[in-house]
Amino acid sequence: MRKGSVERNTKETRISAAVDLDGTGAYDVTTGIGFLDHMLDQLSRHSQMDLTLKAEGDLHIDFHHTTEDTGIAIGEAVSQALGDRRGIARFGDATVPLDEALTRVVVDFSGRPYLVWKVEFTRENLGEMDTELFREWFHAFAQAAEVTLHVENFYGTNSHHIIESCYKGLARALRQAMTVDPRLTGAVPSTKGVLGGSL
């Protein structure tokens, strides 16, 4: 049962998150930020990872803490569900279009968190959300999930389409990387025998 759950309570946010990596893409997400909810729904649906997330944050200040901390909570829950990562494919790669936008996302559950972010937006805001906060979410997720994550938008003119292709790309890459490969017979997918630490 590859499930993980996290309770994260700070002076800035109160978050509960739960994932089932072998789910059907069912989601129940409430962050108080409509656009972020929409993106996390996409993440769940297209990765087929069940996701339940409830967040209360200091939205009267801005959306930064809630956005970042949801990335941390989901990343920690995914890492918990994977355990020592035995038997997983480890790598995932997805190139996803959304109308005029095209984005590639590559993940490696290496245990070495890193983010490469090559995404530019044509607008500073989507609804009430600052587009610069999306990088913060992806960075927080990569750190907490202990995953190497590369996100590159090749082109696009609509900021909504650009970021949605990023989340859908992440979802599809995660789905591939988290898949259990029966040929590995439960082995850690590394010649070192462990994941994490130095190269």
Protein backbone atom coordinates (compact mmCIF):
# COMPACT_ATOMS: atom_id res chain seq x y z
CA MET A 1 0.00 0.00 0.00
CA ARG A 2 1.90 3.03 -1.26
CA LYS A 3 0.22 5.73 0.76
CA GLY A 4 1.53 8.76 2.60
CA SER A 5 -0.01 11.40 4.83
CA VAL A 6 1.36 14.61 6.32
CA GLU A 7 0.14 17.17 8.84
CA ARG A 8 2.00 20.47 8.58
CA ASN A 9 1.14 23.21 11.06
CA THR A 10 3.05 26.48 11.29
CA LYS A 11 2.22 30.04 12.27
CA GLU A 12 1.55 30.67 8.57
CA THR A 13 -0.33 27.58 7.39
CA ARG A 14 -2.21 24.51 8.57
CA ILE A 15 -2.15 21.71 6.03
CA SER A 16 -3.17 18.07 5.88
CA ALA A 17 -2.22 16.06 2.81
CA ALA A 18 -2.67 12.42 1.86
CA VAL A 19 -1.70 10.54 -1.28
CA ASP A 20 -2.25 7.06 -2.68
CA LEU A 21 0.24 6.43 -5.47
CA ASP A 22 -1.78 3.49 -6.76
CA GLY A 23 -5.10 5.31 -6.91
CA THR A 24 -7.34 6.35 -9.76
CA GLY A 25 -6.68 10.08 -9.81
CA ALA A 26 -9.39 10.98 -7.32
CA TYR A 27 -8.90 14.37 -5.69
CA ASP A 28 -10.35 16.52 -2.93
CA VAL A 29 -8.34 19.73 -2.77
CA THR A 30 -9.09 22.96 -0.94
CA THR A 31 -6.38 25.58 -0.48
CA GLY A 32 -8.38 28.79 -0.57
CA ILE A 33 -6.63 29.66 -3.85
CA GLY A 34 -8.88 28.70 -6.73
CA PHE A 35 -6.22 28.54 -9.41
CA LEU A 36 -3.88 26.43 -7.26
CA ASP A 37 -6.75 24.03 -6.55
CA HIS A 38 -7.24 23.69 -10.31
CA MET A 39 -3.56 22.85 -10.86
CA LEU A 40 -3.47 20.30 -8.03
CA ASP A 41 -6.60 18.68 -9.43
CA GLN A 42 -4.70 18.30 -12.72
CA LEU A 43 -1.72 16.81 -10.88
CA SER A 44 -3.87 14.17 -9.26
CA ARG A 45 -5.99 13.30 -12.28
CA HIS A 46 -3.14 12.90 -14.76
CA SER A 47 -0.73 11.09 -12.41
CA GLN A 48 -3.55 8.78 -11.24
CA MET A 49 -2.37 9.54 -7.72
CA ASP A 50 -5.25 10.04 -5.30
CA LEU A 51 -4.80 13.34 -3.50
CA THR A 52 -6.58 14.81 -0.51
CA LEU A 53 -5.39 18.21 0.64
CA LYS A 54 -6.86 20.78 3.00
CA ALA A 55 -4.97 24.01 3.59
CA GLU A 56 -5.64 27.11 5.64
CA GLY A 57 -3.10 29.86 5.26
CA ASP A 58 -2.43 33.53 5.79
CA LEU A 59 -4.08 34.53 2.53
CA HIS A 60 -4.80 37.98 3.96
CA ILE A 61 -1.05 38.62 3.56
CA ASP A 62 -0.49 36.92 0.19
CA PHE A 63 -0.53 33.47 -1.41
CA HIS A 64 3.18 32.70 -0.97
CA HIS A 65 3.14 30.64 2.23
CA THR A 66 0.12 28.55 1.24
CA THR A 67 1.51 27.86 -2.23
CA GLU A 68 4.96 26.88 -0.97
CA ASP A 69 3.71 24.81 1.95
CA THR A 70 1.30 22.79 -0.18
CA GLY A 71 4.28 21.86 -2.36
CA ILE A 72 6.17 20.77 0.74
CA ALA A 73 3.26 18.75 2.13
CA ILE A 74 2.52 16.92 -1.12
CA GLY A 75 6.22 16.26 -1.70
CA GLU A 76 6.65 14.83 1.80
CA ALA A 77 3.58 12.63 1.39
CA VAL A 78 4.86 11.29 -1.95
CA SER A 79 8.30 10.60 -0.47
CA GLN A 80 6.73 8.81 2.49
CA ALA A 81 4.58 6.69 0.17
CA LEU A 82 7.62 5.67 -1.90
CA GLY A 83 9.64 4.61 1.13
CA ASP A 84 13.13 3.47 0.08
CA ARG A 85 11.94 3.57 -3.57
CA ARG A 86 12.59 -0.10 -4.21
CA GLY A 87 11.25 -1.40 -7.49
CA ILE A 88 10.19 1.91 -9.03
CA ALA A 89 11.08 2.96 -12.55
CA ARG A 90 12.72 6.05 -10.97
CA PHE A 91 12.83 8.20 -14.13
CA GLY A 92 9.92 9.89 -15.86
CA ASP A 93 9.71 12.14 -18.91
CA ALA A 94 6.64 13.82 -20.37
CA THR A 95 6.15 16.41 -23.10
CA VAL A 96 2.69 17.90 -22.84
CA PRO A 97 0.87 20.35 -25.11
CA LEU A 98 -2.01 22.59 -24.14
CA ASP A 99 -3.22 24.39 -27.24
CA GLU A 100 -0.33 26.70 -28.27
CA ALA A 101 1.87 25.85 -25.25
CA LEU A 102 4.32 22.95 -25.07
CA THR A 103 6.24 21.90 -21.96
CA ARG A 104 8.62 19.09 -21.10
CA VAL A 105 9.00 17.77 -17.54
CA VAL A 106 11.65 15.24 -16.50
CA VAL A 107 11.91 13.68 -13.03
CA ASP A 108 14.42 11.45 -11.30
CA PHE A 109 13.58 10.05 -7.86
CA SER A 110 17.28 10.17 -7.08
CA GLY A 111 16.99 11.28 -3.47
CA ARG A 112 18.91 14.43 -4.51
CA PRO A 113 16.49 17.35 -4.70
CA TYR A 114 17.11 19.82 -7.48
CA LEU A 115 14.98 22.06 -9.68
CA VAL A 116 15.76 23.44 -13.12
CA TRP A 117 13.00 25.89 -14.07
CA LYS A 118 12.89 27.32 -17.58
CA VAL A 119 9.43 28.82 -17.66
CA GLU A 120 8.47 32.39 -18.48
CA PHE A 121 4.99 33.84 -18.28
CA THR A 122 3.32 36.49 -20.37
CA ARG A 123 1.37 37.83 -17.37
CA GLU A 124 2.29 38.62 -13.76
CA ASN A 125 -0.97 37.25 -12.38
CA LEU A 126 -3.51 34.54 -13.08
CA GLY A 127 -6.63 35.63 -11.29
CA GLU A 128 -5.32 36.78 -7.93
CA MET A 129 -2.27 34.50 -8.03
CA ASP A 130 1.23 35.77 -8.83
CA THR A 131 2.74 33.63 -11.58
CA GLU A 132 6.15 33.81 -9.86
CA LEU A 133 4.71 31.60 -7.10
CA PHE A 134 4.54 28.57 -9.37
CA ARG A 135 8.31 28.25 -9.32
CA GLU A 136 8.10 28.30 -5.52
CA TRP A 137 5.63 25.42 -5.57
CA PHE A 138 7.76 23.28 -7.89
CA HIS A 139 10.90 24.04 -5.86
CA ALA A 140 9.18 23.13 -2.59
CA PHE A 141 7.84 19.90 -4.09
CA ALA A 142 11.25 18.90 -5.47
CA GLN A 143 12.95 19.52 -2.14
CA ALA A 144 10.36 17.67 -0.06
CA ALA A 145 9.97 14.73 -2.46
CA GLU A 146 13.76 14.50 -2.85
CA VAL A 147 13.43 14.48 -6.61
CA THR A 148 15.51 16.00 -9.39
CA LEU A 149 13.04 17.96 -11.47
CA HIS A 150 13.51 19.74 -14.80
CA VAL A 151 10.69 21.86 -16.20
CA GLU A 152 11.06 23.58 -19.56
CA ASN A 153 8.37 25.42 -21.46
CA PHE A 154 9.34 25.46 -25.12
CA TYR A 155 6.75 28.00 -26.21
CA GLY A 156 3.32 29.42 -25.49
CA THR A 157 1.52 32.75 -25.28
CA ASN A 158 -1.23 32.07 -22.76
CA SER A 159 0.04 31.94 -19.15
CA HIS A 160 -2.83 29.69 -18.06
CA HIS A 161 -1.93 27.18 -20.77
CA ILE A 162 1.79 27.40 -19.95
CA ILE A 163 1.46 26.59 -16.25
CA GLU A 164 -1.24 23.98 -16.77
CA SER A 165 1.03 22.16 -19.22
CA CYS A 166 3.72 22.24 -16.49
CA TYR A 167 1.46 20.55 -13.93
CA LYS A 168 0.14 18.04 -16.42
CA GLY A 169 3.70 17.29 -17.51
CA LEU A 170 4.73 16.77 -13.90
CA ALA A 171 1.77 14.47 -13.39
CA ARG A 172 2.60 12.29 -16.37
CA ALA A 173 6.31 12.18 -15.53
CA LEU A 174 5.54 11.21 -11.92
CA ARG A 175 3.14 8.52 -13.08
CA GLN A 176 5.92 7.00 -15.16
CA ALA A 177 8.66 7.35 -12.53
CA MET A 178 6.58 6.00 -9.63
CA THR A 179 5.46 2.91 -11.54
CA VAL A 180 6.66 -0.37 -10.05
CA ASP A 181 8.84 -2.23 -12.56
CA PRO A 182 8.46 -5.99 -11.98
CA ARG A 183 11.84 -6.62 -13.62
CA LEU A 184 13.55 -4.86 -10.73
CA THR A 185 12.16 -7.47 -8.31
CA GLY A 186 12.09 -4.97 -5.49
CA ALA A 187 15.65 -3.72 -5.94
CA VAL A 188 16.66 -0.09 -5.46
CA PRO A 189 17.02 1.38 -8.98
CA SER A 190 20.66 2.46 -8.55
CA THR A 191 24.02 0.82 -9.05
CA LYS A 192 24.96 2.14 -5.58
CA GLY A 193 22.18 0.16 -3.98
CA VAL A 194 20.79 3.29 -2.33
CA LEU A 195 19.27 6.53 -3.51
CA GLY A 196 20.27 9.93 -2.18
CA GLY A 197 23.49 11.56 -1.08
CA SER A 198 26.31 12.50 -3.41
CA LEU A 199 26.59 11.39 -7.03
